[in-house]
PDB file of all heavy atoms in Angstrom:
ATOM      1  N   GLY A   1     -18.132  41.138   3.358  1.00  0.00           N
ATOM      2  CA  GLY A   1     -18.148  42.069   4.484  1.00  0.00           C
ATOM      3  C   GLY A   1     -18.009  41.441   5.905  1.00  0.00           C
ATOM      4  O   GLY A   1     -18.328  42.030   6.915  1.00  0.00           O
ATOM      5  N   ILE A   2     -17.440  40.160   5.875  1.00  0.00           N
ATOM      6  CA  ILE A   2     -17.293  39.543   7.234  1.00  0.00           C
ATOM      7  C   ILE A   2     -16.176  40.099   8.123  1.00  0.00           C
ATOM      8  O   ILE A   2     -16.161  39.898   9.333  1.00  0.00           O
ATOM      9  CB  ILE A   2     -17.071  38.025   7.061  1.00  0.00           C
ATOM     10  CG1 ILE A   2     -17.483  37.190   8.241  1.00  0.00           C
ATOM     11  CG2 ILE A   2     -15.540  37.684   6.667  1.00  0.00           C
ATOM     12  CD1 ILE A   2     -17.612  35.753   8.047  1.00  0.00           C
ATOM     13  N   THR A   3     -15.325  40.855   7.521  1.00  0.00           N
ATOM     14  CA  THR A   3     -14.285  41.562   8.308  1.00  0.00           C
ATOM     15  C   THR A   3     -14.586  43.101   8.206  1.00  0.00           C
ATOM     16  O   THR A   3     -15.449  43.494   7.459  1.00  0.00           O
ATOM     17  CB  THR A   3     -12.842  41.329   7.886  1.00  0.00           C
ATOM     18  OG1 THR A   3     -12.652  41.879   6.618  1.00  0.00           O
ATOM     19  CG2 THR A   3     -12.698  39.804   7.748  1.00  0.00           C
ATOM     20  N   SER A   4     -13.776  43.881   8.967  1.00  0.00           N
ATOM     21  CA  SER A   4     -13.989  45.285   8.851  1.00  0.00           C
ATOM     22  C   SER A   4     -13.429  45.865   7.575  1.00  0.00           C
ATOM     23  O   SER A   4     -13.599  47.031   7.173  1.00  0.00           O
ATOM     24  CB  SER A   4     -13.178  46.006   9.985  1.00  0.00           C
ATOM     25  OG  SER A   4     -11.773  45.588   9.966  1.00  0.00           O
ATOM     26  N   LEU A   5     -12.650  44.995   6.819  1.00  0.00           N
ATOM     27  CA  LEU A   5     -12.117  45.476   5.542  1.00  0.00           C
ATOM     28  C   LEU A   5     -13.224  45.276   4.462  1.00  0.00           C
ATOM     29  O   LEU A   5     -13.814  44.251   4.306  1.00  0.00           O
ATOM     30  CB  LEU A   5     -10.948  44.515   5.088  1.00  0.00           C
ATOM     31  CG  LEU A   5      -9.666  44.580   5.957  1.00  0.00           C
ATOM     32  CD1 LEU A   5      -8.774  43.553   5.482  1.00  0.00           C
ATOM     33  CD2 LEU A   5      -9.112  46.002   5.832  1.00  0.00           C
ATOM     34  N   GLN A   6     -13.603  46.363   3.818  1.00  0.00           N
ATOM     35  CA  GLN A   6     -14.672  46.422   2.923  1.00  0.00           C
ATOM     36  C   GLN A   6     -14.205  46.252   1.426  1.00  0.00           C
ATOM     37  O   GLN A   6     -15.039  45.761   0.587  1.00  0.00           O
ATOM     38  CB  GLN A   6     -15.458  47.736   2.992  1.00  0.00           C
ATOM     39  CG  GLN A   6     -16.078  47.902   4.430  1.00  0.00           C
ATOM     40  CD  GLN A   6     -17.014  46.763   4.802  1.00  0.00           C
ATOM     41  OE1 GLN A   6     -17.914  46.402   3.976  1.00  0.00           O
ATOM     42  NE2 GLN A   6     -16.890  46.242   6.000  1.00  0.00           N
ATOM     43  N   LYS A   7     -13.047  46.569   1.112  1.00  0.00           N
ATOM     44  CA  LYS A   7     -12.487  46.496  -0.174  1.00  0.00           C
ATOM     45  C   LYS A   7     -12.028  45.110  -0.579  1.00  0.00           C
ATOM     46  O   LYS A   7     -11.239  44.439   0.141  1.00  0.00           O
ATOM     47  CB  LYS A   7     -11.306  47.482  -0.346  1.00  0.00           C
ATOM     48  CG  LYS A   7     -10.931  47.821  -1.826  1.00  0.00           C
ATOM     49  CD  LYS A   7      -9.944  48.861  -1.891  1.00  0.00           C
ATOM     50  CE  LYS A   7      -9.568  49.243  -3.321  1.00  0.00           C
ATOM     51  NZ  LYS A   7      -8.889  48.095  -3.995  1.00  0.00           N
ATOM     52  N   ASN A   8     -12.541  44.668  -1.698  1.00  0.00           N
ATOM     53  CA  ASN A   8     -12.148  43.271  -2.170  1.00  0.00           C
ATOM     54  C   ASN A   8     -12.153  43.423  -3.740  1.00  0.00           C
ATOM     55  O   ASN A   8     -13.223  43.544  -4.331  1.00  0.00           O
ATOM     56  CB  ASN A   8     -13.217  42.283  -1.697  1.00  0.00           C
ATOM     57  CG  ASN A   8     -12.878  40.838  -1.875  1.00  0.00           C
ATOM     58  OD1 ASN A   8     -11.730  40.533  -2.440  1.00  0.00           O
ATOM     59  ND2 ASN A   8     -13.778  39.968  -1.609  1.00  0.00           N
ATOM     60  N   PRO A   9     -10.932  43.210  -4.347  1.00  0.00           N
ATOM     61  CA  PRO A   9      -9.669  42.833  -3.742  1.00  0.00           C
ATOM     62  C   PRO A   9      -8.950  43.941  -3.100  1.00  0.00           C
ATOM     63  O   PRO A   9      -9.262  45.116  -3.360  1.00  0.00           O
ATOM     64  CB  PRO A   9      -8.886  42.380  -4.985  1.00  0.00           C
ATOM     65  CG  PRO A   9      -9.416  43.252  -6.131  1.00  0.00           C
ATOM     66  CD  PRO A   9     -10.934  43.380  -5.814  1.00  0.00           C
ATOM     67  N   ASN A  10      -8.072  43.594  -2.155  1.00  0.00           N
ATOM     68  CA  ASN A  10      -7.211  44.551  -1.512  1.00  0.00           C
ATOM     69  C   ASN A  10      -5.708  44.071  -1.727  1.00  0.00           C
ATOM     70  O   ASN A  10      -5.411  43.332  -2.567  1.00  0.00           O
ATOM     71  CB  ASN A  10      -7.528  44.771  -0.136  1.00  0.00           C
ATOM     72  CG  ASN A  10      -7.333  43.535   0.720  1.00  0.00           C
ATOM     73  OD1 ASN A  10      -6.667  42.696   0.383  1.00  0.00           O
ATOM     74  ND2 ASN A  10      -7.957  43.569   1.904  1.00  0.00           N
ATOM     75  N   SER A  11      -4.796  44.728  -0.941  1.00  0.00           N
ATOM     76  CA  SER A  11      -3.438  44.426  -1.191  1.00  0.00           C
ATOM     77  C   SER A  11      -3.031  43.033  -0.973  1.00  0.00           C
ATOM     78  O   SER A  11      -2.089  42.526  -1.678  1.00  0.00           O
ATOM     79  CB  SER A  11      -2.511  45.326  -0.384  1.00  0.00           C
ATOM     80  OG  SER A  11      -2.755  45.222   0.997  1.00  0.00           O
ATOM     81  N   TRP A  12      -3.742  42.280  -0.062  1.00  0.00           N
ATOM     82  CA  TRP A  12      -3.491  40.798   0.009  1.00  0.00           C
ATOM     83  C   TRP A  12      -3.796  40.134  -1.233  1.00  0.00           C
ATOM     84  O   TRP A  12      -2.993  39.229  -1.771  1.00  0.00           O
ATOM     85  CB  TRP A  12      -4.230  40.190   1.181  1.00  0.00           C
ATOM     86  CG  TRP A  12      -3.557  40.435   2.537  1.00  0.00           C
ATOM     87  CD1 TRP A  12      -3.699  41.393   3.403  1.00  0.00           C
ATOM     88  CD2 TRP A  12      -2.669  39.544   3.062  1.00  0.00           C
ATOM     89  NE1 TRP A  12      -2.957  41.230   4.531  1.00  0.00           N
ATOM     90  CE2 TRP A  12      -2.277  40.094   4.259  1.00  0.00           C
ATOM     91  CE3 TRP A  12      -2.041  38.400   2.629  1.00  0.00           C
ATOM     92  CZ2 TRP A  12      -1.345  39.472   5.138  1.00  0.00           C
ATOM     93  CZ3 TRP A  12      -1.113  37.803   3.454  1.00  0.00           C
ATOM     94  CH2 TRP A  12      -0.723  38.325   4.735  1.00  0.00           C
ATOM     95  N   ASP A  13      -4.920  40.319  -1.796  1.00  0.00           N
ATOM     96  CA  ASP A  13      -5.301  39.665  -3.051  1.00  0.00           C
ATOM     97  C   ASP A  13      -4.341  40.105  -4.138  1.00  0.00           C
ATOM     98  O   ASP A  13      -3.997  39.151  -4.973  1.00  0.00           O
ATOM     99  CB  ASP A  13      -6.738  40.102  -3.462  1.00  0.00           C
ATOM    100  CG  ASP A  13      -7.749  39.730  -2.381  1.00  0.00           C
ATOM    101  OD1 ASP A  13      -7.886  38.572  -2.091  1.00  0.00           O
ATOM    102  OD2 ASP A  13      -8.401  40.713  -1.860  1.00  0.00           O
ATOM    103  N   LYS A  14      -3.979  41.325  -4.232  1.00  0.00           N
ATOM    104  CA  LYS A  14      -3.104  41.806  -5.290  1.00  0.00           C
ATOM    105  C   LYS A  14      -1.729  41.148  -5.221  1.00  0.00           C
ATOM    106  O   LYS A  14      -1.114  40.804  -6.194  1.00  0.00           O
ATOM    107  CB  LYS A  14      -2.968  43.270  -5.214  1.00  0.00           C
ATOM    108  CG  LYS A  14      -4.281  43.995  -5.576  1.00  0.00           C
ATOM    109  CD  LYS A  14      -4.218  45.574  -5.524  1.00  0.00           C
ATOM    110  CE  LYS A  14      -5.602  46.166  -5.900  1.00  0.00           C
ATOM    111  NZ  LYS A  14      -5.518  47.658  -5.820  1.00  0.00           N
ATOM    112  N   MET A  15      -1.290  40.919  -4.012  1.00  0.00           N
ATOM    113  CA  MET A  15       0.019  40.227  -3.796  1.00  0.00           C
ATOM    114  C   MET A  15      -0.113  38.798  -4.282  1.00  0.00           C
ATOM    115  O   MET A  15       0.772  38.241  -5.046  1.00  0.00           O
ATOM    116  CB  MET A  15       0.305  40.247  -2.267  1.00  0.00           C
ATOM    117  CG  MET A  15       1.600  39.444  -1.907  1.00  0.00           C
ATOM    118  SD  MET A  15       1.417  37.662  -1.621  1.00  0.00           S
ATOM    119  CE  MET A  15       0.292  37.739  -0.141  1.00  0.00           C
ATOM    120  N   PHE A  16      -1.155  38.068  -3.907  1.00  0.00           N
ATOM    121  CA  PHE A  16      -1.293  36.680  -4.416  1.00  0.00           C
ATOM    122  C   PHE A  16      -1.419  36.735  -5.934  1.00  0.00           C
ATOM    123  O   PHE A  16      -0.744  35.815  -6.566  1.00  0.00           O
ATOM    124  CB  PHE A  16      -2.475  36.018  -3.818  1.00  0.00           C
ATOM    125  CG  PHE A  16      -2.281  35.602  -2.361  1.00  0.00           C
ATOM    126  CD1 PHE A  16      -3.114  36.150  -1.336  1.00  0.00           C
ATOM    127  CD2 PHE A  16      -1.340  34.662  -2.077  1.00  0.00           C
ATOM    128  CE1 PHE A  16      -2.877  35.723  -0.047  1.00  0.00           C
ATOM    129  CE2 PHE A  16      -1.096  34.332  -0.714  1.00  0.00           C
ATOM    130  CZ  PHE A  16      -1.897  34.758   0.320  1.00  0.00           C
ATOM    131  N   TYR A  17      -2.141  37.599  -6.515  1.00  0.00           N
ATOM    132  CA  TYR A  17      -2.284  37.627  -7.952  1.00  0.00           C
ATOM    133  C   TYR A  17      -0.917  37.854  -8.571  1.00  0.00           C
ATOM    134  O   TYR A  17      -0.486  37.163  -9.520  1.00  0.00           O
ATOM    135  CB  TYR A  17      -3.250  38.821  -8.365  1.00  0.00           C
ATOM    136  CG  TYR A  17      -3.022  39.061  -9.829  1.00  0.00           C
ATOM    137  CD1 TYR A  17      -3.695  38.332 -10.810  1.00  0.00           C
ATOM    138  CD2 TYR A  17      -2.289  40.173 -10.202  1.00  0.00           C
ATOM    139  CE1 TYR A  17      -3.491  38.608 -12.205  1.00  0.00           C
ATOM    140  CE2 TYR A  17      -2.110  40.426 -11.567  1.00  0.00           C
ATOM    141  CZ  TYR A  17      -2.700  39.635 -12.538  1.00  0.00           C
ATOM    142  OH  TYR A  17      -2.500  39.953 -13.918  1.00  0.00           O
ATOM    143  N   PHE A  18      -0.211  38.854  -8.077  1.00  0.00           N
ATOM    144  CA  PHE A  18       1.147  39.223  -8.660  1.00  0.00           C
ATOM    145  C   PHE A  18       2.098  38.105  -8.650  1.00  0.00           C
ATOM    146  O   PHE A  18       2.848  37.816  -9.622  1.00  0.00           O
ATOM    147  CB  PHE A  18       1.654  40.476  -7.934  1.00  0.00           C
ATOM    148  CG  PHE A  18       2.855  41.036  -8.520  1.00  0.00           C
ATOM    149  CD1 PHE A  18       2.821  41.631  -9.777  1.00  0.00           C
ATOM    150  CD2 PHE A  18       4.120  41.071  -7.828  1.00  0.00           C
ATOM    151  CE1 PHE A  18       3.969  42.213 -10.384  1.00  0.00           C
ATOM    152  CE2 PHE A  18       5.191  41.633  -8.411  1.00  0.00           C
ATOM    153  CZ  PHE A  18       5.121  42.194  -9.735  1.00  0.00           C
ATOM    154  N   PHE A  19       2.202  37.378  -7.471  1.00  0.00           N
ATOM    155  CA  PHE A  19       3.245  36.383  -7.279  1.00  0.00           C
ATOM    156  C   PHE A  19       2.817  35.063  -7.797  1.00  0.00           C
ATOM    157  O   PHE A  19       3.650  34.204  -8.145  1.00  0.00           O
ATOM    158  CB  PHE A  19       3.767  36.358  -5.874  1.00  0.00           C
ATOM    159  CG  PHE A  19       4.613  37.474  -5.537  1.00  0.00           C
ATOM    160  CD1 PHE A  19       4.101  38.573  -4.774  1.00  0.00           C
ATOM    161  CD2 PHE A  19       5.950  37.571  -5.988  1.00  0.00           C
ATOM    162  CE1 PHE A  19       4.917  39.662  -4.424  1.00  0.00           C
ATOM    163  CE2 PHE A  19       6.648  38.766  -5.669  1.00  0.00           C
ATOM    164  CZ  PHE A  19       6.122  39.736  -4.898  1.00  0.00           C
ATOM    165  N   LEU A  20       1.588  34.731  -7.955  1.00  0.00           N
ATOM    166  CA  LEU A  20       1.126  33.471  -8.321  1.00  0.00           C
ATOM    167  C   LEU A  20       0.808  33.499  -9.843  1.00  0.00           C
ATOM    168  O   LEU A  20       0.876  32.472 -10.577  1.00  0.00           O
ATOM    169  CB  LEU A  20      -0.254  33.049  -7.640  1.00  0.00           C
ATOM    170  CG  LEU A  20      -0.011  32.848  -6.129  1.00  0.00           C
ATOM    171  CD1 LEU A  20      -1.336  32.408  -5.551  1.00  0.00           C
ATOM    172  CD2 LEU A  20       1.019  31.857  -5.815  1.00  0.00           C
ATOM    173  N   LYS A  21       0.580  34.702 -10.426  1.00  0.00           N
ATOM    174  CA  LYS A  21       0.091  34.771 -11.875  1.00  0.00           C
ATOM    175  C   LYS A  21       1.183  35.383 -12.704  1.00  0.00           C
ATOM    176  O   LYS A  21       1.426  35.013 -13.858  1.00  0.00           O
ATOM    177  CB  LYS A  21      -1.173  35.554 -12.014  1.00  0.00           C
ATOM    178  CG  LYS A  21      -1.738  35.685 -13.299  1.00  0.00           C
ATOM    179  CD  LYS A  21      -2.524  34.394 -13.704  1.00  0.00           C
ATOM    180  CE  LYS A  21      -3.224  34.566 -15.023  1.00  0.00           C
ATOM    181  NZ  LYS A  21      -3.857  33.290 -15.409  1.00  0.00           N
ATOM    182  N   GLU A  22       1.838  36.441 -12.198  1.00  0.00           N
ATOM    183  CA  GLU A  22       2.713  37.248 -13.055  1.00  0.00           C
ATOM    184  C   GLU A  22       4.176  36.992 -12.878  1.00  0.00           C
ATOM    185  O   GLU A  22       4.959  37.311 -13.731  1.00  0.00           O
ATOM    186  CB  GLU A  22       2.395  38.732 -12.933  1.00  0.00           C
ATOM    187  CG  GLU A  22       1.074  39.200 -13.467  1.00  0.00           C
ATOM    188  CD  GLU A  22       0.944  40.651 -13.538  1.00  0.00           C
ATOM    189  OE1 GLU A  22       1.867  41.494 -13.227  1.00  0.00           O
ATOM    190  OE2 GLU A  22      -0.106  41.122 -13.989  1.00  0.00           O
ATOM    191  N   LYS A  23       4.648  36.544 -11.683  1.00  0.00           N
ATOM    192  CA  LYS A  23       6.053  36.363 -11.365  1.00  0.00           C
ATOM    193  C   LYS A  23       6.370  34.814 -11.113  1.00  0.00           C
ATOM    194  O   LYS A  23       5.595  34.045 -10.932  1.00  0.00           O
ATOM    195  CB  LYS A  23       6.349  37.234 -10.079  1.00  0.00           C
ATOM    196  CG  LYS A  23       6.256  38.721 -10.489  1.00  0.00           C
ATOM    197  CD  LYS A  23       7.248  39.121 -11.434  1.00  0.00           C
ATOM    198  CE  LYS A  23       7.108  40.597 -11.804  1.00  0.00           C
ATOM    199  NZ  LYS A  23       8.149  41.156 -12.727  1.00  0.00           N
ATOM    200  N   ASP A  24       7.680  34.659 -11.069  1.00  0.00           N
ATOM    201  CA  ASP A  24       8.163  33.291 -10.813  1.00  0.00           C
ATOM    202  C   ASP A  24       9.330  33.299  -9.834  1.00  0.00           C
ATOM    203  O   ASP A  24      10.512  33.552 -10.278  1.00  0.00           O
ATOM    204  CB  ASP A  24       8.613  32.681 -12.180  1.00  0.00           C
ATOM    205  CG  ASP A  24       9.089  31.202 -12.014  1.00  0.00           C
ATOM    206  OD1 ASP A  24       8.650  30.540 -11.090  1.00  0.00           O
ATOM    207  OD2 ASP A  24       9.899  30.766 -12.858  1.00  0.00           O
ATOM    208  N   TYR A  25       9.099  33.184  -8.618  1.00  0.00           N
ATOM    209  CA  TYR A  25      10.123  33.254  -7.519  1.00  0.00           C
ATOM    210  C   TYR A  25      10.231  31.917  -6.814  1.00  0.00           C
ATOM    211  O   TYR A  25       9.260  31.100  -6.752  1.00  0.00           O
ATOM    212  CB  TYR A  25       9.743  34.399  -6.549  1.00  0.00           C
ATOM    213  CG  TYR A  25      10.118  35.784  -7.041  1.00  0.00           C
ATOM    214  CD1 TYR A  25       9.141  36.556  -7.635  1.00  0.00           C
ATOM    215  CD2 TYR A  25      11.406  36.323  -6.874  1.00  0.00           C
ATOM    216  CE1 TYR A  25       9.425  37.881  -8.134  1.00  0.00           C
ATOM    217  CE2 TYR A  25      11.675  37.498  -7.315  1.00  0.00           C
ATOM    218  CZ  TYR A  25      10.696  38.355  -7.980  1.00  0.00           C
ATOM    219  OH  TYR A  25      11.020  39.599  -8.444  1.00  0.00           O
TER     220      TYR A  25
END
């Protein structure tokens, strides 16, 4: 809750998960 964003994970986390875990670019 340190930022105004309350949702965790959000699209930033999902992006890191997707490109670090599922994809190879």
